[in-house]
Amino acid sequence: MTHPLHPPVKRSVTIAGHPTSISLEPVFWDALEAEAARQTLPVNALVARIDVERMEADNPPNLTSAIRQWLWTRRDDQTAA
């Protein structure tokens, strides 16, 4: 049996024409890809949306943290529905 916990995986994304790398655990990459597919968006476009929301915060977290929090909030919203 494979252990369910894995270290972060780094991937490159492009936000507003600027390449950046993001390190997320595979479970978060899977959730991000699933949510992008649900919204019929490329992953880069969804990350860009999350980045815009992140920058609107009074004390914005780093992008990786914002993605994790955004995904967790979506999970809570979908479970409550």
Foldseek 3Di string as FASTA:
>chain_A
DDDPWDFWDKDWAAAPNRIDIETDTPVLVVLLCVVCVVVVHDSNVVLNVLVVVQVVDPDRDPSNVSSVVVSVVVVVVVVVD
